[in-house]
Amino acid sequence: MAEKIIMLACSAGMSTSLLVSKMQKAAEADGLDYKIFATSSADIDHQLAADPHPDVLMLGPQVRYMANDVKKKTDKVGIPMDIINMSDYGMMNGEKVLQAARALLNDK
């Protein structure tokens, strides 16, 4: 089982798929055993109720309008949530997004 689970959520879960693979490569290069996956924003509730649920949720910039509602849900289950930096997302910078997720996990 992975040490940490990072969930990325966007409109359909498709645009974050490339970012997931880049983050996974960065995690492996750093010797981290992380499960990183992308899903649609419609699947957030299901994933938060799953066992095990994600340790951190990163929202794609295109669904930033959902941040307040999603934050309430992640607070209920006790996991950190943030919006992926638009520049890092646009450049598909897996290393930077991984660093942001690790900062939320206090796993620097």
PDB file of N, CA and C in Angstrom:
ATOM      1  N   MET A   1       0.834  -1.189   0.000  1.00  0.00           N
ATOM      2  CA  MET A   1       0.000   0.000   0.000  1.00  0.00           C
ATOM      3  C   MET A   1       0.878   1.252   0.000  1.00  0.00           C
ATOM      4  N   ALA A   2       0.466   2.241  -0.746  1.00  0.00           N
ATOM      5  CA  ALA A   2       1.232   3.479  -0.875  1.00  0.00           C
ATOM      6  C   ALA A   2       1.300   4.219   0.461  1.00  0.00           C
ATOM      7  N   GLU A   3       2.416   4.891   0.661  1.00  0.00           N
ATOM      8  CA  GLU A   3       2.619   5.673   1.876  1.00  0.00           C
ATOM      9  C   GLU A   3       1.637   6.843   1.952  1.00  0.00           C
ATOM     10  N   LYS A   4       1.425   7.514   0.832  1.00  0.00           N
ATOM     11  CA  LYS A   4       0.496   8.649   0.753  1.00  0.00           C
ATOM     12  C   LYS A   4      -0.311   8.544  -0.531  1.00  0.00           C
ATOM     13  N   ILE A   5      -1.535   9.081  -0.486  1.00  0.00           N
ATOM     14  CA  ILE A   5      -2.405   9.087  -1.657  1.00  0.00           C
ATOM     15  C   ILE A   5      -2.739  10.534  -1.999  1.00  0.00           C
ATOM     16  N   ILE A   6      -2.404  10.917  -3.227  1.00  0.00           N
ATOM     17  CA  ILE A   6      -2.669  12.279  -3.707  1.00  0.00           C
ATOM     18  C   ILE A   6      -3.729  12.191  -4.796  1.00  0.00           C
ATOM     19  N   MET A   7      -4.811  12.934  -4.625  1.00  0.00           N
ATOM     20  CA  MET A   7      -5.885  12.960  -5.616  1.00  0.00           C
ATOM     21  C   MET A   7      -5.905  14.325  -6.295  1.00  0.00           C
ATOM     22  N   LEU A   8      -5.922  14.303  -7.624  1.00  0.00           N
ATOM     23  CA  LEU A   8      -6.113  15.515  -8.412  1.00  0.00           C
ATOM     24  C   LEU A   8      -7.522  15.458  -8.976  1.00  0.00           C
ATOM     25  N   ALA A   9      -8.229  16.560  -8.931  1.00  0.00           N
ATOM     26  CA  ALA A   9      -9.596  16.595  -9.467  1.00  0.00           C
ATOM     27  C   ALA A   9      -9.741  17.766 -10.421  1.00  0.00           C
ATOM     28  N   CYS A  10     -10.324  17.490 -11.589  1.00  0.00           N
ATOM     29  CA  CYS A  10     -10.619  18.543 -12.559  1.00  0.00           C
ATOM     30  C   CYS A  10     -12.001  18.268 -13.136  1.00  0.00           C
ATOM     31  N   SER A  11     -12.352  18.951 -14.184  1.00  0.00           N
ATOM     32  CA  SER A  11     -13.695  18.812 -14.746  1.00  0.00           C
ATOM     33  C   SER A  11     -14.051  17.362 -15.051  1.00  0.00           C
ATOM     34  N   ALA A  12     -13.213  16.702 -15.839  1.00  0.00           N
ATOM     35  CA  ALA A  12     -13.506  15.318 -16.224  1.00  0.00           C
ATOM     36  C   ALA A  12     -12.428  14.342 -15.785  1.00  0.00           C
ATOM     37  N   GLY A  13     -11.337  14.820 -15.230  1.00  0.00           N
ATOM     38  CA  GLY A  13     -10.245  13.950 -14.822  1.00  0.00           C
ATOM     39  C   GLY A  13      -9.287  13.632 -15.954  1.00  0.00           C
ATOM     40  N   MET A  14      -9.572  14.147 -17.145  1.00  0.00           N
ATOM     41  CA  MET A  14      -8.744  13.827 -18.304  1.00  0.00           C
ATOM     42  C   MET A  14      -7.503  14.711 -18.383  1.00  0.00           C
ATOM     43  N   SER A  15      -7.682  16.009 -18.213  1.00  0.00           N
ATOM     44  CA  SER A  15      -6.555  16.925 -18.400  1.00  0.00           C
ATOM     45  C   SER A  15      -5.493  16.757 -17.329  1.00  0.00           C
ATOM     46  N   THR A  16      -5.845  16.182 -16.189  1.00  0.00           N
ATOM     47  CA  THR A  16      -4.846  15.983 -15.139  1.00  0.00           C
ATOM     48  C   THR A  16      -4.096  14.657 -15.291  1.00  0.00           C
ATOM     49  N   SER A  17      -4.505  13.812 -16.217  1.00  0.00           N
ATOM     50  CA  SER A  17      -3.863  12.504 -16.370  1.00  0.00           C
ATOM     51  C   SER A  17      -2.380  12.614 -16.717  1.00  0.00           C
ATOM     52  N   LEU A  18      -2.020  13.513 -17.614  1.00  0.00           N
ATOM     53  CA  LEU A  18      -0.613  13.710 -17.956  1.00  0.00           C
ATOM     54  C   LEU A  18       0.153  14.238 -16.739  1.00  0.00           C
ATOM     55  N   LEU A  19      -0.470  15.138 -16.007  1.00  0.00           N
ATOM     56  CA  LEU A  19       0.167  15.682 -14.810  1.00  0.00           C
ATOM     57  C   LEU A  19       0.410  14.569 -13.791  1.00  0.00           C
ATOM     58  N   VAL A  20      -0.532  13.647 -13.658  1.00  0.00           N
ATOM     59  CA  VAL A  20      -0.364  12.524 -12.736  1.00  0.00           C
ATOM     60  C   VAL A  20       0.887  11.727 -13.090  1.00  0.00           C
ATOM     61  N   SER A  21       1.062  11.401 -14.369  1.00  0.00           N
ATOM     62  CA  SER A  21       2.227  10.596 -14.747  1.00  0.00           C
ATOM     63  C   SER A  21       3.527  11.356 -14.474  1.00  0.00           C
ATOM     64  N   LYS A  22       3.535  12.657 -14.682  1.00  0.00           N
ATOM     65  CA  LYS A  22       4.736  13.446 -14.401  1.00  0.00           C
ATOM     66  C   LYS A  22       5.002  13.536 -12.896  1.00  0.00           C
ATOM     67  N   MET A  23       3.934  13.646 -12.112  1.00  0.00           N
ATOM     68  CA  MET A  23       4.088  13.663 -10.658  1.00  0.00           C
ATOM     69  C   MET A  23       4.597  12.314 -10.153  1.00  0.00           C
ATOM     70  N   GLN A  24       4.060  11.238 -10.717  1.00  0.00           N
ATOM     71  CA  GLN A  24       4.472   9.891 -10.309  1.00  0.00           C
ATOM     72  C   GLN A  24       5.956   9.677 -10.588  1.00  0.00           C
ATOM     73  N   LYS A  25       6.417  10.129 -11.761  1.00  0.00           N
ATOM     74  CA  LYS A  25       7.839  10.012 -12.098  1.00  0.00           C
ATOM     75  C   LYS A  25       8.694  10.820 -11.116  1.00  0.00           C
ATOM     76  N   ALA A  26       8.228  12.017 -10.763  1.00  0.00           N
ATOM     77  CA  ALA A  26       8.958  12.853  -9.813  1.00  0.00           C
ATOM     78  C   ALA A  26       8.997  12.191  -8.436  1.00  0.00           C
ATOM     79  N   ALA A  27       7.892  11.600  -8.021  1.00  0.00           N
ATOM     80  CA  ALA A  27       7.840  10.913  -6.729  1.00  0.00           C
ATOM     81  C   ALA A  27       8.799   9.728  -6.714  1.00  0.00           C
ATOM     82  N   GLU A  28       8.802   8.942  -7.779  1.00  0.00           N
ATOM     83  CA  GLU A  28       9.698   7.785  -7.872  1.00  0.00           C
ATOM     84  C   GLU A  28      11.160   8.236  -7.847  1.00  0.00           C
ATOM     85  N   ALA A  29      11.460   9.335  -8.545  1.00  0.00           N
ATOM     86  CA  ALA A  29      12.831   9.862  -8.563  1.00  0.00           C
ATOM     87  C   ALA A  29      13.265  10.298  -7.162  1.00  0.00           C
ATOM     88  N   ASP A  30      12.294  10.747  -6.346  1.00  0.00           N
ATOM     89  CA  ASP A  30      12.583  11.167  -4.971  1.00  0.00           C
ATOM     90  C   ASP A  30      12.495  10.001  -3.987  1.00  0.00           C
ATOM     91  N   GLY A  31      12.218   8.787  -4.493  1.00  0.00           N
ATOM     92  CA  GLY A  31      12.129   7.612  -3.631  1.00  0.00           C
ATOM     93  C   GLY A  31      10.869   7.559  -2.791  1.00  0.00           C
ATOM     94  N   LEU A  32       9.800   8.196  -3.267  1.00  0.00           N
ATOM     95  CA  LEU A  32       8.546   8.257  -2.518  1.00  0.00           C
ATOM     96  C   LEU A  32       7.560   7.207  -3.027  1.00  0.00           C
ATOM     97  N   ASP A  33       6.885   6.551  -2.100  1.00  0.00           N
ATOM     98  CA  ASP A  33       5.869   5.557  -2.448  1.00  0.00           C
ATOM     99  C   ASP A  33       4.499   6.226  -2.348  1.00  0.00           C
ATOM    100  N   TYR A  34       4.151   6.951  -3.391  1.00  0.00           N
ATOM    101  CA  TYR A  34       2.885   7.682  -3.429  1.00  0.00           C
ATOM    102  C   TYR A  34       1.974   7.097  -4.496  1.00  0.00           C
ATOM    103  N   LYS A  35       0.696   7.040  -4.175  1.00  0.00           N
ATOM    104  CA  LYS A  35      -0.313   6.733  -5.190  1.00  0.00           C
ATOM    105  C   LYS A  35      -0.877   8.092  -5.606  1.00  0.00           C
ATOM    106  N   ILE A  36      -0.801   8.396  -6.876  1.00  0.00           N
ATOM    107  CA  ILE A  36      -1.291   9.674  -7.389  1.00  0.00           C
ATOM    108  C   ILE A  36      -2.286   9.354  -8.492  1.00  0.00           C
ATOM    109  N   PHE A  37      -3.480   9.923  -8.391  1.00  0.00           N
ATOM    110  CA  PHE A  37      -4.491   9.651  -9.407  1.00  0.00           C
ATOM    111  C   PHE A  37      -5.331  10.880  -9.690  1.00  0.00           C
ATOM    112  N   ALA A  38      -5.964  10.861 -10.848  1.00  0.00           N
ATOM    113  CA  ALA A  38      -6.839  11.959 -11.262  1.00  0.00           C
ATOM    114  C   ALA A  38      -8.266  11.442 -11.345  1.00  0.00           C
ATOM    115  N   THR A  39      -9.191  12.315 -11.048  1.00  0.00           N
ATOM    116  CA  THR A  39     -10.600  11.979 -11.136  1.00  0.00           C
ATOM    117  C   THR A  39     -11.390  13.217 -11.508  1.00  0.00           C
ATOM    118  N   SER A  40     -12.651  13.017 -11.808  1.00  0.00           N
ATOM    119  CA  SER A  40     -13.511  14.158 -12.138  1.00  0.00           C
ATOM    120  C   SER A  40     -13.998  14.823 -10.852  1.00  0.00           C
ATOM    121  N   SER A  41     -14.354  16.072 -10.955  1.00  0.00           N
ATOM    122  CA  SER A  41     -14.863  16.777  -9.777  1.00  0.00           C
ATOM    123  C   SER A  41     -16.144  16.129  -9.263  1.00  0.00           C
ATOM    124  N   ALA A  42     -16.897  15.481 -10.145  1.00  0.00           N
ATOM    125  CA  ALA A  42     -18.131  14.797  -9.740  1.00  0.00           C
ATOM    126  C   ALA A  42     -17.846  13.580  -8.857  1.00  0.00           C
ATOM    127  N   ASP A  43     -16.613  13.084  -8.876  1.00  0.00           N
ATOM    128  CA  ASP A  43     -16.243  11.885  -8.114  1.00  0.00           C
ATOM    129  C   ASP A  43     -15.620  12.210  -6.760  1.00  0.00           C
ATOM    130  N   ILE A  44     -15.485  13.477  -6.423  1.00  0.00           N
ATOM    131  CA  ILE A  44     -14.819  13.871  -5.175  1.00  0.00           C
ATOM    132  C   ILE A  44     -15.491  13.249  -3.956  1.00  0.00           C
ATOM    133  N   ASP A  45     -16.810  13.364  -3.848  1.00  0.00           N
ATOM    134  CA  ASP A  45     -17.514  12.829  -2.668  1.00  0.00           C
ATOM    135  C   ASP A  45     -17.245  11.336  -2.503  1.00  0.00           C
ATOM    136  N   HIS A  46     -17.322  10.602  -3.602  1.00  0.00           N
ATOM    137  CA  HIS A  46     -17.079   9.161  -3.557  1.00  0.00           C
ATOM    138  C   HIS A  46     -15.663   8.852  -3.076  1.00  0.00           C
ATOM    139  N   GLN A  47     -14.685   9.569  -3.587  1.00  0.00           N
ATOM    140  CA  GLN A  47     -13.295   9.330  -3.200  1.00  0.00           C
ATOM    141  C   GLN A  47     -13.030   9.699  -1.739  1.00  0.00           C
ATOM    142  N   LEU A  48     -13.678  10.751  -1.250  1.00  0.00           N
ATOM    143  CA  LEU A  48     -13.487  11.146   0.146  1.00  0.00           C
ATOM    144  C   LEU A  48     -14.106  10.130   1.099  1.00  0.00           C
ATOM    145  N   ALA A  49     -15.116   9.406   0.637  1.00  0.00           N
ATOM    146  CA  ALA A  49     -15.767   8.382   1.460  1.00  0.00           C
ATOM    147  C   ALA A  49     -15.080   7.025   1.348  1.00  0.00           C
ATOM    148  N   ALA A  50     -14.170   6.886   0.399  1.00  0.00           N
ATOM    149  CA  ALA A  50     -13.495   5.606   0.161  1.00  0.00           C
ATOM    150  C   ALA A  50     -12.575   5.250   1.329  1.00  0.00           C
ATOM    151  N   ASP A  51     -12.246   3.971   1.405  1.00  0.00           N
ATOM    152  CA  ASP A  51     -11.301   3.508   2.410  1.00  0.00           C
ATOM    153  C   ASP A  51     -10.201   2.734   1.717  1.00  0.00           C
ATOM    154  N   PRO A  52      -9.002   3.243   1.658  1.00  0.00           N
ATOM    155  CA  PRO A  52      -8.576   4.501   2.268  1.00  0.00           C
ATOM    156  C   PRO A  52      -8.914   5.699   1.382  1.00  0.00           C
ATOM    157  N   HIS A  53      -9.150   6.820   2.023  1.00  0.00           N
ATOM    158  CA  HIS A  53      -9.400   8.042   1.244  1.00  0.00           C
ATOM    159  C   HIS A  53      -8.064   8.740   0.985  1.00  0.00           C
ATOM    160  N   PRO A  54      -8.052   9.688   0.045  1.00  0.00           N
ATOM    161  CA  PRO A  54      -6.804  10.404  -0.262  1.00  0.00           C
ATOM    162  C   PRO A  54      -6.268  11.141   0.967  1.00  0.00           C
ATOM    163  N   ASP A  55      -4.967  11.343   0.981  1.00  0.00           N
ATOM    164  CA  ASP A  55      -4.335  12.111   2.054  1.00  0.00           C
ATOM    165  C   ASP A  55      -4.325  13.600   1.741  1.00  0.00           C
ATOM    166  N   VAL A  56      -4.471  13.935   0.461  1.00  0.00           N
ATOM    167  CA  VAL A  56      -4.499  15.333   0.032  1.00  0.00           C
ATOM    168  C   VAL A  56      -5.277  15.425  -1.284  1.00  0.00           C
ATOM    169  N   LEU A  57      -5.954  16.531  -1.476  1.00  0.00           N
ATOM    170  CA  LEU A  57      -6.718  16.772  -2.709  1.00  0.00           C
ATOM    171  C   LEU A  57      -6.223  18.060  -3.336  1.00  0.00           C
ATOM    172  N   MET A  58      -5.862  17.969  -4.610  1.00  0.00           N
ATOM    173  CA  MET A  58      -5.433  19.135  -5.374  1.00  0.00           C
ATOM    174  C   MET A  58      -6.456  19.356  -6.484  1.00  0.00           C
ATOM    175  N   LEU A  59      -7.050  20.549  -6.512  1.00  0.00           N
ATOM    176  CA  LEU A  59      -8.049  20.892  -7.536  1.00  0.00           C
ATOM    177  C   LEU A  59      -7.376  21.524  -8.747  1.00  0.00           C
ATOM    178  N   GLY A  60      -7.798  21.112  -9.924  1.00  0.00           N
ATOM    179  CA  GLY A  60      -7.331  21.750 -11.144  1.00  0.00           C
ATOM    180  C   GLY A  60      -7.823  23.185 -11.186  1.00  0.00           C
ATOM    181  N   PRO A  61      -7.045  24.089 -11.788  1.00  0.00           N
ATOM    182  CA  PRO A  61      -7.426  25.500 -11.807  1.00  0.00           C
ATOM    183  C   PRO A  61      -8.766  25.761 -12.494  1.00  0.00           C
ATOM    184  N   GLN A  62      -9.172  24.894 -13.425  1.00  0.00           N
ATOM    185  CA  GLN A  62     -10.431  25.113 -14.129  1.00  0.00           C
ATOM    186  C   GLN A  62     -11.656  24.858 -13.246  1.00  0.00           C
ATOM    187  N   VAL A  63     -11.466  24.237 -12.076  1.00  0.00           N
ATOM    188  CA  VAL A  63     -12.592  24.020 -11.154  1.00  0.00           C
ATOM    189  C   VAL A  63     -12.372  24.773  -9.837  1.00  0.00           C
ATOM    190  N   ARG A  64     -11.559  25.808  -9.895  1.00  0.00           N
ATOM    191  CA  ARG A  64     -11.283  26.592  -8.684  1.00  0.00           C
ATOM    192  C   ARG A  64     -12.548  27.193  -8.076  1.00  0.00           C
ATOM    193  N   TYR A  65     -13.575  27.383  -8.900  1.00  0.00           N
ATOM    194  CA  TYR A  65     -14.844  27.928  -8.392  1.00  0.00           C
ATOM    195  C   TYR A  65     -15.481  26.988  -7.362  1.00  0.00           C
ATOM    196  N   MET A  66     -15.074  25.731  -7.320  1.00  0.00           N
ATOM    197  CA  MET A  66     -15.621  24.747  -6.387  1.00  0.00           C
ATOM    198  C   MET A  66     -14.859  24.720  -5.059  1.00  0.00           C
ATOM    199  N   ALA A  67     -13.791  25.478  -4.956  1.00  0.00           N
ATOM    200  CA  ALA A  67     -12.866  25.358  -3.829  1.00  0.00           C
ATOM    201  C   ALA A  67     -13.546  25.481  -2.463  1.00  0.00           C
ATOM    202  N   ASN A  68     -14.417  26.446  -2.274  1.00  0.00           N
ATOM    203  CA  ASN A  68     -15.037  26.629  -0.956  1.00  0.00           C
ATOM    204  C   ASN A  68     -15.879  25.427  -0.548  1.00  0.00           C
ATOM    205  N   ASP A  69     -16.677  24.901  -1.483  1.00  0.00           N
ATOM    206  CA  ASP A  69     -17.501  23.731  -1.179  1.00  0.00           C
ATOM    207  C   ASP A  69     -16.639  22.497  -0.925  1.00  0.00           C
ATOM    208  N   VAL A  70     -15.631  22.310  -1.748  1.00  0.00           N
ATOM    209  CA  VAL A  70     -14.754  21.146  -1.599  1.00  0.00           C
ATOM    210  C   VAL A  70     -13.978  21.239  -0.293  1.00  0.00           C
ATOM    211  N   LYS A  71     -13.538  22.440   0.075  1.00  0.00           N
ATOM    212  CA  LYS A  71     -12.790  22.630   1.329  1.00  0.00           C
ATOM    213  C   LYS A  71     -13.627  22.202   2.526  1.00  0.00           C
ATOM    214  N   LYS A  72     -14.896  22.503   2.528  1.00  0.00           N
ATOM    215  CA  LYS A  72     -15.773  22.070   3.623  1.00  0.00           C
ATOM    216  C   LYS A  72     -15.793  20.546   3.725  1.00  0.00           C
ATOM    217  N   LYS A  73     -15.829  19.890   2.573  1.00  0.00           N
ATOM    218  CA  LYS A  73     -15.869  18.422   2.547  1.00  0.00           C
ATOM    219  C   LYS A  73     -14.544  17.821   3.008  1.00  0.00           C
ATOM    220  N   THR A  74     -13.429  18.397   2.551  1.00  0.00           N
ATOM    221  CA  THR A  74     -12.128  17.849   2.962  1.00  0.00           C
ATOM    222  C   THR A  74     -11.857  18.130   4.437  1.00  0.00           C
ATOM    223  N   ASP A  75     -12.335  19.267   4.941  1.00  0.00           N
ATOM    224  CA  ASP A  75     -12.184  19.560   6.366  1.00  0.00           C
ATOM    225  C   ASP A  75     -12.916  18.518   7.208  1.00  0.00           C
ATOM    226  N   LYS A  76     -14.075  18.079   6.741  1.00  0.00           N
ATOM    227  CA  LYS A  76     -14.857  17.071   7.480  1.00  0.00           C
ATOM    228  C   LYS A  76     -14.103  15.759   7.634  1.00  0.00           C
ATOM    229  N   VAL A  77     -13.347  15.381   6.611  1.00  0.00           N
ATOM    230  CA  VAL A  77     -12.600  14.121   6.689  1.00  0.00           C
ATOM    231  C   VAL A  77     -11.150  14.345   7.112  1.00  0.00           C
ATOM    232  N   GLY A  78     -10.774  15.597   7.329  1.00  0.00           N
ATOM    233  CA  GLY A  78      -9.457  15.912   7.872  1.00  0.00           C
ATOM    234  C   GLY A  78      -8.301  15.803   6.895  1.00  0.00           C
ATOM    235  N   ILE A  79      -8.547  16.178   5.637  1.00  0.00           N
ATOM    236  CA  ILE A  79      -7.437  16.168   4.677  1.00  0.00           C
ATOM    237  C   ILE A  79      -7.249  17.575   4.104  1.00  0.00           C
ATOM    238  N   PRO A  80      -6.003  17.934   3.794  1.00  0.00           N
ATOM    239  CA  PRO A  80      -5.752  19.255   3.208  1.00  0.00           C
ATOM    240  C   PRO A  80      -6.165  19.307   1.734  1.00  0.00           C
ATOM    241  N   MET A  81      -6.493  20.503   1.279  1.00  0.00           N
ATOM    242  CA  MET A  81      -6.919  20.717  -0.103  1.00  0.00           C
ATOM    243  C   MET A  81      -6.370  22.053  -0.564  1.00  0.00           C
ATOM    244  N   ASP A  82      -5.972  22.107  -1.828  1.00  0.00           N
ATOM    245  CA  ASP A  82      -5.540  23.370  -2.409  1.00  0.00           C
ATOM    246  C   ASP A  82      -5.789  23.323  -3.907  1.00  0.00           C
ATOM    247  N   ILE A  83      -5.634  24.462  -4.540  1.00  0.00           N
ATOM    248  CA  ILE A  83      -5.792  24.577  -5.988  1.00  0.00           C
ATOM    249  C   ILE A  83      -4.396  24.505  -6.611  1.00  0.00           C
ATOM    250  N   ILE A  84      -4.272  23.724  -7.666  1.00  0.00           N
ATOM    251  CA  ILE A  84      -2.991  23.605  -8.360  1.00  0.00           C
ATOM    252  C   ILE A  84      -2.651  24.953  -8.995  1.00  0.00           C
ATOM    253  N   ASN A  85      -1.430  25.388  -8.812  1.00  0.00           N
ATOM    254  CA  ASN A  85      -0.958  26.629  -9.409  1.00  0.00           C
ATOM    255  C   ASN A  85      -1.182  26.587 -10.924  1.00  0.00           C
ATOM    256  N   MET A  86      -1.806  27.637 -11.455  1.00  0.00           N
ATOM    257  CA  MET A  86      -2.177  27.650 -12.870  1.00  0.00           C
ATOM    258  C   MET A  86      -0.962  27.514 -13.786  1.00  0.00           C
ATOM    259  N   SER A  87       0.128  28.177 -13.457  1.00  0.00           N
ATOM    260  CA  SER A  87       1.333  28.099 -14.277  1.00  0.00           C
ATOM    261  C   SER A  87       1.912  26.675 -14.263  1.00  0.00           C
ATOM    262  N   ASP A  88       1.990  26.075 -13.072  1.00  0.00           N
ATOM    263  CA  ASP A  88       2.505  24.707 -12.962  1.00  0.00           C
ATOM    264  C   ASP A  88       1.604  23.729 -13.697  1.00  0.00           C
ATOM    265  N   TYR A  89       0.303  23.979 -13.626  1.00  0.00           N
ATOM    266  CA  TYR A  89      -0.663  23.130 -14.326  1.00  0.00           C
ATOM    267  C   TYR A  89      -0.486  23.261 -15.838  1.00  0.00           C
ATOM    268  N   GLY A  90      -0.407  24.496 -16.304  1.00  0.00           N
ATOM    269  CA  GLY A  90      -0.267  24.749 -17.735  1.00  0.00           C
ATOM    270  C   GLY A  90       1.014  24.175 -18.310  1.00  0.00           C
ATOM    271  N   MET A  91       2.083  24.205 -17.521  1.00  0.00           N
ATOM    272  CA  MET A  91       3.373  23.673 -17.958  1.00  0.00           C
ATOM    273  C   MET A  91       3.502  22.173 -17.659  1.00  0.00           C
ATOM    274  N   MET A  92       2.458  21.612 -17.010  1.00  0.00           N
ATOM    275  CA  MET A  92       2.479  20.200 -16.613  1.00  0.00           C
ATOM    276  C   MET A  92       3.750  19.891 -15.808  1.00  0.00           C
ATOM    277  N   ASN A  93       4.038  20.778 -14.848  1.00  0.00           N
ATOM    278  CA  ASN A  93       5.227  20.654 -14.017  1.00  0.00           C
ATOM    279  C   ASN A  93       4.926  19.729 -12.830  1.00  0.00           C
ATOM    280  N   GLY A  94       5.098  18.438 -13.062  1.00  0.00           N
ATOM    281  CA  GLY A  94       4.801  17.438 -12.044  1.00  0.00           C
ATOM    282  C   GLY A  94       5.606  17.609 -10.776  1.00  0.00           C
ATOM    283  N   GLU A  95       6.864  17.999 -10.904  1.00  0.00           N
ATOM    284  CA  GLU A  95       7.724  18.194  -9.732  1.00  0.00           C
ATOM    285  C   GLU A  95       7.176  19.292  -8.827  1.00  0.00           C
ATOM    286  N   LYS A  96       6.782  20.420  -9.416  1.00  0.00           N
ATOM    287  CA  LYS A  96       6.271  21.551  -8.617  1.00  0.00           C
ATOM    288  C   LYS A  96       4.938  21.204  -7.953  1.00  0.00           C
ATOM    289  N   VAL A  97       4.053  20.532  -8.687  1.00  0.00           N
ATOM    290  CA  VAL A  97       2.752  20.168  -8.110  1.00  0.00           C
ATOM    291  C   VAL A  97       2.953  19.131  -7.004  1.00  0.00           C
ATOM    292  N   LEU A  98       3.886  18.219  -7.204  1.00  0.00           N
ATOM    293  CA  LEU A  98       4.210  17.246  -6.154  1.00  0.00           C
ATOM    294  C   LEU A  98       4.742  17.969  -4.917  1.00  0.00           C
ATOM    295  N   GLN A  99       5.615  18.944  -5.115  1.00  0.00           N
ATOM    296  CA  GLN A  99       6.136  19.721  -3.988  1.00  0.00           C
ATOM    297  C   GLN A  99       5.012  20.429  -3.231  1.00  0.00           C
ATOM    298  N   ALA A 100       4.041  20.963  -3.978  1.00  0.00           N
ATOM    299  CA  ALA A 100       2.914  21.647  -3.341  1.00  0.00           C
ATOM    300  C   ALA A 100       2.085  20.662  -2.518  1.00  0.00           C
ATOM    301  N   ALA A 101       1.859  19.477  -3.063  1.00  0.00           N
ATOM    302  CA  ALA A 101       1.093  18.454  -2.326  1.00  0.00           C
ATOM    303  C   ALA A 101       1.858  18.009  -1.087  1.00  0.00           C
ATOM    304  N   ARG A 102       3.168  17.825  -1.218  1.00  0.00           N
ATOM    305  CA  ARG A 102       3.984  17.420  -0.077  1.00  0.00           C
ATOM    306  C   ARG A 102       3.983  18.507   1.017  1.00  0.00           C
ATOM    307  N   ALA A 103       3.974  19.769   0.610  1.00  0.00           N
ATOM    308  CA  ALA A 103       3.923  20.861   1.585  1.00  0.00           C
ATOM    309  C   ALA A 103       2.616  20.798   2.377  1.00  0.00           C
ATOM    310  N   LEU A 104       1.512  20.503   1.684  1.00  0.00           N
ATOM    311  CA  LEU A 104       0.227  20.361   2.369  1.00  0.00           C
ATOM    312  C   LEU A 104       0.235  19.191   3.344  1.00  0.00           C
ATOM    313  N   LEU A 105       0.999  18.160   2.990  1.00  0.00           N
ATOM    314  CA  LEU A 105       1.102  16.968   3.851  1.00  0.00           C
ATOM    315  C   LEU A 105       2.164  17.123   4.934  1.00  0.00           C
ATOM    316  N   ASN A 106       2.845  18.255   4.934  1.00  0.00           N
ATOM    317  CA  ASN A 106       3.983  18.474   5.842  1.00  0.00           C
ATOM    318  C   ASN A 106       5.026  17.375   5.654  1.00  0.00           C
ATOM    319  N   ASP A 107       5.219  16.980   4.386  1.00  0.00           N
ATOM    320  CA  ASP A 107       6.155  15.909   4.033  1.00  0.00           C
ATOM    321  C   ASP A 107       7.188  16.487   3.067  1.00  0.00           C
ATOM    322  N   LYS A 108       7.951  17.444   3.546  1.00  0.00           N
ATOM    323  CA  LYS A 108       8.924  18.129   2.703  1.00  0.00           C
ATOM    324  C   LYS A 108      10.142  17.307   2.662  1.00  0.00           C
TER     325      LYS A 108
END
